[in-house]
Amino acid sequence: MKKTLLVFSLFFTTAAFGQGIGGYINAQPQFYEAPTHPLHASYAPIASEQTLMGGTSYTMTQGDRPAWDFPQAPQIALGDVARELKKKHEQDKKSRVLYEN
C-alpha cells in the first residue's frame, strides 16, 4: 500500500510541475509564409560599374605571367617514386621475427 501511494504521489507531483513550470506555448497554428521578392527576377538596365577599392587608385594589367616567375617545389619523377615504393614493399614482405612451435 505504501509503495502504490508513493508511486501515485510521485506521478501527481510530476504532472503538477509539468503544468506549472516551463512556459506558455500557444496552441494556435502558425503558418509559414515565404518572403516574396517582386523585383528579384524582373528586367532592369545594367548598372554602371562601381569600384570596390574606395577612393584609392589602383593599376590593372592584362596578360599571363610565365610559370617560372612563381616558386615551385622540386618535382620527383613518377618512375623514381614507383621504384622507391616497390623497394619498400619488398622489404616489408619479409618477416623480421621467425616463430617456431
PDB file of N, CA and C in Angstrom:
ATOM      1  N   MET A   1       0.817  -1.192   0.000  1.00  0.00           N
ATOM      2  CA  MET A   1       0.000   0.000   0.000  1.00  0.00           C
ATOM      3  C   MET A   1       0.862   1.258   0.000  1.00  0.00           C
ATOM      4  N   LYS A   2       1.938   1.195   0.773  1.00  0.00           N
ATOM      5  CA  LYS A   2       2.814   2.358   0.841  1.00  0.00           C
ATOM      6  C   LYS A   2       3.511   2.616  -0.499  1.00  0.00           C
ATOM      7  N   LYS A   3       3.858   1.513  -1.165  1.00  0.00           N
ATOM      8  CA  LYS A   3       4.551   1.666  -2.462  1.00  0.00           C
ATOM      9  C   LYS A   3       3.638   2.295  -3.499  1.00  0.00           C
ATOM     10  N   THR A   4       2.388   1.846  -3.557  1.00  0.00           N
ATOM     11  CA  THR A   4       1.466   2.417  -4.541  1.00  0.00           C
ATOM     12  C   THR A   4       1.173   3.882  -4.223  1.00  0.00           C
ATOM     13  N   LEU A   5       1.044   4.200  -2.942  1.00  0.00           N
ATOM     14  CA  LEU A   5       0.817   5.586  -2.549  1.00  0.00           C
ATOM     15  C   LEU A   5       2.013   6.454  -2.940  1.00  0.00           C
ATOM     16  N   LEU A   6       3.216   5.939  -2.766  1.00  0.00           N
ATOM     17  CA  LEU A   6       4.418   6.670  -3.155  1.00  0.00           C
ATOM     18  C   LEU A   6       4.488   6.872  -4.668  1.00  0.00           C
ATOM     19  N   VAL A   7       4.148   5.828  -5.416  1.00  0.00           N
ATOM     20  CA  VAL A   7       4.168   5.930  -6.881  1.00  0.00           C
ATOM     21  C   VAL A   7       3.145   6.954  -7.356  1.00  0.00           C
ATOM     22  N   PHE A   8       1.914   6.915  -6.821  1.00  0.00           N
ATOM     23  CA  PHE A   8       0.894   7.881  -7.226  1.00  0.00           C
ATOM     24  C   PHE A   8       1.279   9.305  -6.839  1.00  0.00           C
ATOM     25  N   SER A   9       1.879   9.476  -5.670  1.00  0.00           N
ATOM     26  CA  SER A   9       2.268  10.830  -5.271  1.00  0.00           C
ATOM     27  C   SER A   9       3.390  11.355  -6.175  1.00  0.00           C
ATOM     28  N   LEU A  10       4.341  10.502  -6.526  1.00  0.00           N
ATOM     29  CA  LEU A  10       5.379  10.936  -7.463  1.00  0.00           C
ATOM     30  C   LEU A  10       4.793  11.288  -8.829  1.00  0.00           C
ATOM     31  N   PHE A  11       3.844  10.481  -9.278  1.00  0.00           N
ATOM     32  CA  PHE A  11       3.211  10.738 -10.561  1.00  0.00           C
ATOM     33  C   PHE A  11       2.459  12.064 -10.557  1.00  0.00           C
ATOM     34  N   PHE A  12       1.682  12.306  -9.519  1.00  0.00           N
ATOM     35  CA  PHE A  12       0.897  13.532  -9.477  1.00  0.00           C
ATOM     36  C   PHE A  12       1.764  14.775  -9.267  1.00  0.00           C
ATOM     37  N   THR A  13       2.835  14.663  -8.489  1.00  0.00           N
ATOM     38  CA  THR A  13       3.712  15.832  -8.334  1.00  0.00           C
ATOM     39  C   THR A  13       4.444  16.139  -9.630  1.00  0.00           C
ATOM     40  N   THR A  14       4.824  15.090 -10.348  1.00  0.00           N
ATOM     41  CA  THR A  14       5.461  15.312 -11.651  1.00  0.00           C
ATOM     42  C   THR A  14       4.499  15.993 -12.610  1.00  0.00           C
ATOM     43  N   ALA A  15       3.269  15.558 -12.630  1.00  0.00           N
ATOM     44  CA  ALA A  15       2.263  16.172 -13.507  1.00  0.00           C
ATOM     45  C   ALA A  15       2.008  17.614 -13.112  1.00  0.00           C
ATOM     46  N   ALA A  16       1.991  17.899 -11.812  1.00  0.00           N
ATOM     47  CA  ALA A  16       1.746  19.272 -11.357  1.00  0.00           C
ATOM     48  C   ALA A  16       2.909  20.179 -11.757  1.00  0.00           C
ATOM     49  N   PHE A  17       4.142  19.699 -11.598  1.00  0.00           N
ATOM     50  CA  PHE A  17       5.289  20.511 -12.014  1.00  0.00           C
ATOM     51  C   PHE A  17       5.319  20.690 -13.529  1.00  0.00           C
ATOM     52  N   GLY A  18       4.886  19.686 -14.245  1.00  0.00           N
ATOM     53  CA  GLY A  18       4.855  19.798 -15.700  1.00  0.00           C
ATOM     54  C   GLY A  18       3.873  20.847 -16.180  1.00  0.00           C
ATOM     55  N   GLN A  19       2.803  21.048 -15.445  1.00  0.00           N
ATOM     56  CA  GLN A  19       1.830  22.057 -15.836  1.00  0.00           C
ATOM     57  C   GLN A  19       2.250  23.450 -15.413  1.00  0.00           C
ATOM     58  N   GLY A  20       2.901  23.569 -14.278  1.00  0.00           N
ATOM     59  CA  GLY A  20       3.190  24.889 -13.739  1.00  0.00           C
ATOM     60  C   GLY A  20       4.493  25.473 -14.250  1.00  0.00           C
ATOM     61  N   ILE A  21       5.503  24.669 -14.419  1.00  0.00           N
ATOM     62  CA  ILE A  21       6.824  25.164 -14.817  1.00  0.00           C
ATOM     63  C   ILE A  21       7.008  24.929 -16.307  1.00  0.00           C
ATOM     64  N   GLY A  22       7.757  25.752 -16.918  1.00  0.00           N
ATOM     65  CA  GLY A  22       8.057  25.513 -18.315  1.00  0.00           C
ATOM     66  C   GLY A  22       7.834  26.740 -19.154  1.00  0.00           C
ATOM     67  N   GLY A  23       6.674  27.144 -19.285  1.00  0.00           N
ATOM     68  CA  GLY A  23       6.387  28.310 -20.103  1.00  0.00           C
ATOM     69  C   GLY A  23       5.100  28.079 -20.863  1.00  0.00           C
ATOM     70  N   TYR A  24       4.602  29.136 -21.381  1.00  0.00           N
ATOM     71  CA  TYR A  24       3.334  29.072 -22.079  1.00  0.00           C
ATOM     72  C   TYR A  24       3.591  28.829 -23.558  1.00  0.00           C
ATOM     73  N   ILE A  25       2.979  27.811 -24.106  1.00  0.00           N
ATOM     74  CA  ILE A  25       3.084  27.514 -25.536  1.00  0.00           C
ATOM     75  C   ILE A  25       1.715  27.754 -26.151  1.00  0.00           C
ATOM     76  N   ASN A  26       1.684  28.561 -27.164  1.00  0.00           N
ATOM     77  CA  ASN A  26       0.439  28.884 -27.833  1.00  0.00           C
ATOM     78  C   ASN A  26      -0.024  27.686 -28.648  1.00  0.00           C
ATOM     79  N   ALA A  27      -1.288  27.333 -28.527  1.00  0.00           N
ATOM     80  CA  ALA A  27      -1.831  26.187 -29.232  1.00  0.00           C
ATOM     81  C   ALA A  27      -2.339  26.548 -30.628  1.00  0.00           C
ATOM     82  N   GLN A  28      -2.335  27.813 -30.975  1.00  0.00           N
ATOM     83  CA  GLN A  28      -2.809  28.226 -32.285  1.00  0.00           C
ATOM     84  C   GLN A  28      -1.781  27.844 -33.348  1.00  0.00           C
ATOM     85  N   PRO A  29      -2.238  27.375 -34.518  1.00  0.00           N
ATOM     86  CA  PRO A  29      -1.278  27.005 -35.566  1.00  0.00           C
ATOM     87  C   PRO A  29      -0.579  28.251 -36.111  1.00  0.00           C
ATOM     88  N   GLN A  30       0.670  28.088 -36.433  1.00  0.00           N
ATOM     89  CA  GLN A  30       1.451  29.179 -37.001  1.00  0.00           C
ATOM     90  C   GLN A  30       1.832  28.785 -38.419  1.00  0.00           C
ATOM     91  N   PHE A  31       1.358  29.532 -39.373  1.00  0.00           N
ATOM     92  CA  PHE A  31       1.601  29.217 -40.768  1.00  0.00           C
ATOM     93  C   PHE A  31       2.865  29.914 -41.240  1.00  0.00           C
ATOM     94  N   TYR A  32       3.663  29.204 -42.010  1.00  0.00           N
ATOM     95  CA  TYR A  32       4.887  29.776 -42.573  1.00  0.00           C
ATOM     96  C   TYR A  32       4.563  30.435 -43.895  1.00  0.00           C
ATOM     97  N   GLU A  33       4.997  31.662 -44.043  1.00  0.00           N
ATOM     98  CA  GLU A  33       4.790  32.378 -45.292  1.00  0.00           C
ATOM     99  C   GLU A  33       6.155  32.760 -45.835  1.00  0.00           C
ATOM    100  N   ALA A  34       6.482  32.245 -47.008  1.00  0.00           N
ATOM    101  CA  ALA A  34       7.777  32.517 -47.613  1.00  0.00           C
ATOM    102  C   ALA A  34       7.850  33.990 -48.004  1.00  0.00           C
ATOM    103  N   PRO A  35       8.999  34.628 -47.790  1.00  0.00           N
ATOM    104  CA  PRO A  35       9.116  36.033 -48.183  1.00  0.00           C
ATOM    105  C   PRO A  35       9.086  36.172 -49.697  1.00  0.00           C
ATOM    106  N   THR A  36       8.469  37.233 -50.147  1.00  0.00           N
ATOM    107  CA  THR A  36       8.380  37.467 -51.586  1.00  0.00           C
ATOM    108  C   THR A  36       9.328  38.601 -51.965  1.00  0.00           C
ATOM    109  N   HIS A  37       9.903  38.463 -53.120  1.00  0.00           N
ATOM    110  CA  HIS A  37      10.796  39.483 -53.663  1.00  0.00           C
ATOM    111  C   HIS A  37      10.316  39.806 -55.076  1.00  0.00           C
ATOM    112  N   PRO A  38       9.445  40.776 -55.223  1.00  0.00           N
ATOM    113  CA  PRO A  38       8.850  41.020 -56.544  1.00  0.00           C
ATOM    114  C   PRO A  38       9.858  41.511 -57.572  1.00  0.00           C
ATOM    115  N   LEU A  39      10.925  42.174 -57.170  1.00  0.00           N
ATOM    116  CA  LEU A  39      11.882  42.701 -58.137  1.00  0.00           C
ATOM    117  C   LEU A  39      13.071  41.768 -58.347  1.00  0.00           C
ATOM    118  N   HIS A  40      13.025  40.598 -57.784  1.00  0.00           N
ATOM    119  CA  HIS A  40      14.180  39.697 -57.856  1.00  0.00           C
ATOM    120  C   HIS A  40      14.474  39.248 -59.285  1.00  0.00           C
ATOM    121  N   ALA A  41      13.461  38.881 -60.035  1.00  0.00           N
ATOM    122  CA  ALA A  41      13.690  38.331 -61.357  1.00  0.00           C
ATOM    123  C   ALA A  41      13.166  39.235 -62.471  1.00  0.00           C
ATOM    124  N   SER A  42      13.003  40.499 -62.195  1.00  0.00           N
ATOM    125  CA  SER A  42      12.487  41.380 -63.233  1.00  0.00           C
ATOM    126  C   SER A  42      13.635  41.955 -64.058  1.00  0.00           C
ATOM    127  N   TYR A  43      13.319  42.420 -65.242  1.00  0.00           N
ATOM    128  CA  TYR A  43      14.314  43.013 -66.130  1.00  0.00           C
ATOM    129  C   TYR A  43      14.632  44.425 -65.671  1.00  0.00           C
ATOM    130  N   ALA A  44      15.919  44.768 -65.738  1.00  0.00           N
ATOM    131  CA  ALA A  44      16.353  46.104 -65.354  1.00  0.00           C
ATOM    132  C   ALA A  44      17.592  46.436 -66.168  1.00  0.00           C
ATOM    133  N   PRO A  45      17.855  47.724 -66.411  1.00  0.00           N
ATOM    134  CA  PRO A  45      19.072  48.069 -67.143  1.00  0.00           C
ATOM    135  C   PRO A  45      20.313  47.765 -66.304  1.00  0.00           C
ATOM    136  N   ILE A  46      21.414  47.529 -66.994  1.00  0.00           N
ATOM    137  CA  ILE A  46      22.663  47.217 -66.310  1.00  0.00           C
ATOM    138  C   ILE A  46      23.184  48.482 -65.618  1.00  0.00           C
ATOM    139  N   ALA A  47      23.574  48.320 -64.376  1.00  0.00           N
ATOM    140  CA  ALA A  47      24.078  49.462 -63.616  1.00  0.00           C
ATOM    141  C   ALA A  47      25.516  49.760 -64.019  1.00  0.00           C
ATOM    142  N   SER A  48      25.939  50.969 -63.746  1.00  0.00           N
ATOM    143  CA  SER A  48      27.320  51.333 -64.062  1.00  0.00           C
ATOM    144  C   SER A  48      28.257  50.683 -63.056  1.00  0.00           C
ATOM    145  N   GLU A  49      29.515  50.505 -63.458  1.00  0.00           N
ATOM    146  CA  GLU A  49      30.458  49.818 -62.577  1.00  0.00           C
ATOM    147  C   GLU A  49      30.805  50.687 -61.382  1.00  0.00           C
ATOM    148  N   GLN A  50      31.096  50.029 -60.292  1.00  0.00           N
ATOM    149  CA  GLN A  50      31.458  50.710 -59.062  1.00  0.00           C
ATOM    150  C   GLN A  50      32.760  50.110 -58.557  1.00  0.00           C
ATOM    151  N   THR A  51      33.627  50.953 -58.040  1.00  0.00           N
ATOM    152  CA  THR A  51      34.890  50.468 -57.528  1.00  0.00           C
ATOM    153  C   THR A  51      34.716  49.904 -56.123  1.00  0.00           C
ATOM    154  N   LEU A  52      35.444  48.860 -55.831  1.00  0.00           N
ATOM    155  CA  LEU A  52      35.415  48.261 -54.506  1.00  0.00           C
ATOM    156  C   LEU A  52      36.587  48.733 -53.658  1.00  0.00           C
ATOM    157  N   MET A  53      37.473  49.497 -54.244  1.00  0.00           N
ATOM    158  CA  MET A  53      38.687  49.919 -53.566  1.00  0.00           C
ATOM    159  C   MET A  53      38.502  51.200 -52.762  1.00  0.00           C
ATOM    160  N   GLY A  54      37.343  51.749 -52.746  1.00  0.00           N
ATOM    161  CA  GLY A  54      37.133  53.008 -52.039  1.00  0.00           C
ATOM    162  C   GLY A  54      37.592  54.175 -52.904  1.00  0.00           C
ATOM    163  N   GLY A  55      38.361  55.095 -52.316  1.00  0.00           N
ATOM    164  CA  GLY A  55      38.818  56.256 -53.069  1.00  0.00           C
ATOM    165  C   GLY A  55      40.250  56.127 -53.562  1.00  0.00           C
ATOM    166  N   THR A  56      40.901  54.975 -53.350  1.00  0.00           N
ATOM    167  CA  THR A  56      42.302  54.827 -53.737  1.00  0.00           C
ATOM    168  C   THR A  56      42.420  54.483 -55.206  1.00  0.00           C
ATOM    169  N   SER A  57      43.567  54.808 -55.767  1.00  0.00           N
ATOM    170  CA  SER A  57      43.806  54.457 -57.158  1.00  0.00           C
ATOM    171  C   SER A  57      44.440  53.076 -57.219  1.00  0.00           C
ATOM    172  N   TYR A  58      44.272  52.396 -58.322  1.00  0.00           N
ATOM    173  CA  TYR A  58      44.829  51.061 -58.482  1.00  0.00           C
ATOM    174  C   TYR A  58      45.241  50.887 -59.930  1.00  0.00           C
ATOM    175  N   THR A  59      46.095  49.927 -60.154  1.00  0.00           N
ATOM    176  CA  THR A  59      46.535  49.633 -61.518  1.00  0.00           C
ATOM    177  C   THR A  59      46.001  48.269 -61.914  1.00  0.00           C
ATOM    178  N   MET A  60      45.782  48.131 -63.206  1.00  0.00           N
ATOM    179  CA  MET A  60      45.252  46.872 -63.707  1.00  0.00           C
ATOM    180  C   MET A  60      46.008  46.520 -64.976  1.00  0.00           C
ATOM    181  N   THR A  61      46.412  45.280 -65.090  1.00  0.00           N
ATOM    182  CA  THR A  61      47.101  44.821 -66.291  1.00  0.00           C
ATOM    183  C   THR A  61      46.419  43.575 -66.797  1.00  0.00           C
ATOM    184  N   GLN A  62      46.706  43.255 -68.023  1.00  0.00           N
ATOM    185  CA  GLN A  62      46.157  42.046 -68.621  1.00  0.00           C
ATOM    186  C   GLN A  62      47.310  41.201 -69.133  1.00  0.00           C
ATOM    187  N   GLY A  63      47.102  39.905 -69.157  1.00  0.00           N
ATOM    188  CA  GLY A  63      48.113  39.006 -69.672  1.00  0.00           C
ATOM    189  C   GLY A  63      48.394  37.896 -68.690  1.00  0.00           C
ATOM    190  N   ASP A  64      49.303  37.026 -69.092  1.00  0.00           N
ATOM    191  CA  ASP A  64      49.669  35.884 -68.262  1.00  0.00           C
ATOM    192  C   ASP A  64      51.118  36.012 -67.840  1.00  0.00           C
ATOM    193  N   ARG A  65      51.390  35.581 -66.631  1.00  0.00           N
ATOM    194  CA  ARG A  65      52.770  35.530 -66.164  1.00  0.00           C
ATOM    195  C   ARG A  65      53.311  34.144 -66.454  1.00  0.00           C
ATOM    196  N   PRO A  66      54.549  34.043 -66.856  1.00  0.00           N
ATOM    197  CA  PRO A  66      55.104  32.722 -67.119  1.00  0.00           C
ATOM    198  C   PRO A  66      55.260  31.928 -65.819  1.00  0.00           C
ATOM    199  N   ALA A  67      55.285  30.609 -65.940  1.00  0.00           N
ATOM    200  CA  ALA A  67      55.324  29.735 -64.768  1.00  0.00           C
ATOM    201  C   ALA A  67      56.608  29.895 -63.971  1.00  0.00           C
ATOM    202  N   TRP A  68      57.714  30.255 -64.637  1.00  0.00           N
ATOM    203  CA  TRP A  68      58.981  30.367 -63.908  1.00  0.00           C
ATOM    204  C   TRP A  68      59.042  31.588 -62.998  1.00  0.00           C
ATOM    205  N   ASP A  69      58.047  32.469 -63.060  1.00  0.00           N
ATOM    206  CA  ASP A  69      58.001  33.598 -62.136  1.00  0.00           C
ATOM    207  C   ASP A  69      57.549  33.181 -60.736  1.00  0.00           C
ATOM    208  N   PHE A  70      56.970  32.002 -60.613  1.00  0.00           N
ATOM    209  CA  PHE A  70      56.438  31.546 -59.339  1.00  0.00           C
ATOM    210  C   PHE A  70      57.341  30.460 -58.761  1.00  0.00           C
ATOM    211  N   PRO A  71      57.556  30.471 -57.448  1.00  0.00           N
ATOM    212  CA  PRO A  71      58.382  29.418 -56.850  1.00  0.00           C
ATOM    213  C   PRO A  71      57.662  28.072 -56.923  1.00  0.00           C
ATOM    214  N   GLN A  72      58.428  27.033 -57.298  1.00  0.00           N
ATOM    215  CA  GLN A  72      57.838  25.709 -57.424  1.00  0.00           C
ATOM    216  C   GLN A  72      58.671  24.707 -56.655  1.00  0.00           C
ATOM    217  N   ALA A  73      58.007  23.734 -56.084  1.00  0.00           N
ATOM    218  CA  ALA A  73      58.702  22.668 -55.377  1.00  0.00           C
ATOM    219  C   ALA A  73      59.391  21.768 -56.397  1.00  0.00           C
ATOM    220  N   PRO A  74      60.527  21.187 -56.044  1.00  0.00           N
ATOM    221  CA  PRO A  74      61.194  20.304 -56.995  1.00  0.00           C
ATOM    222  C   PRO A  74      60.337  19.080 -57.301  1.00  0.00           C
ATOM    223  N   GLN A  75      60.268  18.732 -58.553  1.00  0.00           N
ATOM    224  CA  GLN A  75      59.436  17.620 -58.998  1.00  0.00           C
ATOM    225  C   GLN A  75      60.243  16.327 -58.978  1.00  0.00           C
ATOM    226  N   ILE A  76      59.641  15.257 -58.461  1.00  0.00           N
ATOM    227  CA  ILE A  76      60.263  13.941 -58.458  1.00  0.00           C
ATOM    228  C   ILE A  76      59.590  13.131 -59.555  1.00  0.00           C
ATOM    229  N   ALA A  77      60.412  12.453 -60.352  1.00  0.00           N
ATOM    230  CA  ALA A  77      59.871  11.686 -61.469  1.00  0.00           C
ATOM    231  C   ALA A  77      58.974  10.564 -60.948  1.00  0.00           C
ATOM    232  N   LEU A  78      57.933  10.254 -61.705  1.00  0.00           N
ATOM    233  CA  LEU A  78      56.980   9.236 -61.293  1.00  0.00           C
ATOM    234  C   LEU A  78      57.636   7.862 -61.232  1.00  0.00           C
ATOM    235  N   GLY A  79      58.565   7.591 -62.133  1.00  0.00           N
ATOM    236  CA  GLY A  79      59.265   6.314 -62.120  1.00  0.00           C
ATOM    237  C   GLY A  79      60.095   6.135 -60.858  1.00  0.00           C
ATOM    238  N   ASP A  80      60.747   7.212 -60.401  1.00  0.00           N
ATOM    239  CA  ASP A  80      61.540   7.138 -59.166  1.00  0.00           C
ATOM    240  C   ASP A  80      60.648   6.852 -57.957  1.00  0.00           C
ATOM    241  N   VAL A  81      59.510   7.477 -57.931  1.00  0.00           N
ATOM    242  CA  VAL A  81      58.570   7.242 -56.833  1.00  0.00           C
ATOM    243  C   VAL A  81      58.106   5.788 -56.844  1.00  0.00           C
ATOM    244  N   ALA A  82      57.817   5.246 -58.042  1.00  0.00           N
ATOM    245  CA  ALA A  82      57.369   3.856 -58.146  1.00  0.00           C
ATOM    246  C   ALA A  82      58.460   2.903 -57.694  1.00  0.00           C
ATOM    247  N   ARG A  83      59.716   3.173 -58.058  1.00  0.00           N
ATOM    248  CA  ARG A  83      60.824   2.315 -57.639  1.00  0.00           C
ATOM    249  C   ARG A  83      60.993   2.329 -56.126  1.00  0.00           C
ATOM    250  N   GLU A  84      60.889   3.481 -55.509  1.00  0.00           N
ATOM    251  CA  GLU A  84      61.010   3.572 -54.059  1.00  0.00           C
ATOM    252  C   GLU A  84      59.892   2.795 -53.361  1.00  0.00           C
ATOM    253  N   LEU A  85      58.672   2.915 -53.872  1.00  0.00           N
ATOM    254  CA  LEU A  85      57.562   2.192 -53.274  1.00  0.00           C
ATOM    255  C   LEU A  85      57.723   0.683 -53.431  1.00  0.00           C
ATOM    256  N   LYS A  86      58.262   0.254 -54.575  1.00  0.00           N
ATOM    257  CA  LYS A  86      58.482  -1.169 -54.808  1.00  0.00           C
ATOM    258  C   LYS A  86      59.538  -1.708 -53.853  1.00  0.00           C
ATOM    259  N   LYS A  87      60.624  -0.962 -53.629  1.00  0.00           N
ATOM    260  CA  LYS A  87      61.666  -1.381 -52.691  1.00  0.00           C
ATOM    261  C   LYS A  87      61.103  -1.495 -51.275  1.00  0.00           C
ATOM    262  N   LYS A  88      60.308  -0.510 -50.884  1.00  0.00           N
ATOM    263  CA  LYS A  88      59.723  -0.531 -49.549  1.00  0.00           C
ATOM    264  C   LYS A  88      58.774  -1.707 -49.389  1.00  0.00           C
ATOM    265  N   HIS A  89      58.009  -2.003 -50.444  1.00  0.00           N
ATOM    266  CA  HIS A  89      57.064  -3.114 -50.399  1.00  0.00           C
ATOM    267  C   HIS A  89      57.799  -4.445 -50.283  1.00  0.00           C
ATOM    268  N   GLU A  90      58.897  -4.600 -51.000  1.00  0.00           N
ATOM    269  CA  GLU A  90      59.668  -5.841 -50.931  1.00  0.00           C
ATOM    270  C   GLU A  90      60.307  -6.011 -49.562  1.00  0.00           C
ATOM    271  N   GLN A  91      60.730  -4.927 -48.953  1.00  0.00           N
ATOM    272  CA  GLN A  91      61.331  -5.019 -47.627  1.00  0.00           C
ATOM    273  C   GLN A  91      60.283  -5.370 -46.575  1.00  0.00           C
ATOM    274  N   ASP A  92      59.069  -4.887 -46.752  1.00  0.00           N
ATOM    275  CA  ASP A  92      58.018  -5.132 -45.777  1.00  0.00           C
ATOM    276  C   ASP A  92      57.473  -6.552 -45.854  1.00  0.00           C
ATOM    277  N   LYS A  93      57.688  -7.249 -46.980  1.00  0.00           N
ATOM    278  CA  LYS A  93      57.178  -8.607 -47.122  1.00  0.00           C
ATOM    279  C   LYS A  93      57.883  -9.568 -46.173  1.00  0.00           C
ATOM    280  N   LYS A  94      59.161  -9.374 -45.951  1.00  0.00           N
ATOM    281  CA  LYS A  94      59.947 -10.312 -45.163  1.00  0.00           C
ATOM    282  C   LYS A  94      59.685 -10.095 -43.680  1.00  0.00           C
ATOM    283  N   SER A  95      59.471 -11.185 -42.994  1.00  0.00           N
ATOM    284  CA  SER A  95      59.241 -11.122 -41.566  1.00  0.00           C
ATOM    285  C   SER A  95      60.578 -11.003 -40.847  1.00  0.00           C
ATOM    286  N   ARG A  96      60.644 -10.177 -39.875  1.00  0.00           N
ATOM    287  CA  ARG A  96      61.889  -9.988 -39.124  1.00  0.00           C
ATOM    288  C   ARG A  96      62.016 -10.995 -37.993  1.00  0.00           C
ATOM    289  N   VAL A  97      60.900 -11.556 -37.545  1.00  0.00           N
ATOM    290  CA  VAL A  97      60.904 -12.497 -36.434  1.00  0.00           C
ATOM    291  C   VAL A  97      60.324 -13.820 -36.947  1.00  0.00           C
ATOM    292  N   LEU A  98      60.982 -14.915 -36.612  1.00  0.00           N
ATOM    293  CA  LEU A  98      60.524 -16.229 -37.027  1.00  0.00           C
ATOM    294  C   LEU A  98      60.071 -16.988 -35.789  1.00  0.00           C
ATOM    295  N   TYR A  99      58.810 -17.382 -35.766  1.00  0.00           N
ATOM    296  CA  TYR A  99      58.261 -18.138 -34.657  1.00  0.00           C
ATOM    297  C   TYR A  99      58.167 -19.603 -35.032  1.00  0.00           C
ATOM    298  N   GLU A 100      58.638 -20.461 -34.155  1.00  0.00           N
ATOM    299  CA  GLU A 100      58.525 -21.913 -34.370  1.00  0.00           C
ATOM    300  C   GLU A 100      57.859 -22.534 -33.165  1.00  0.00           C
ATOM    301  N   ASN A 101      56.945 -23.470 -33.421  1.00  0.00           N
ATOM    302  CA  ASN A 101      56.277 -24.176 -32.320  1.00  0.00           C
ATOM    303  C   ASN A 101      56.994 -25.461 -31.997  1.00  0.00           C
TER     304      ASN A 101
END
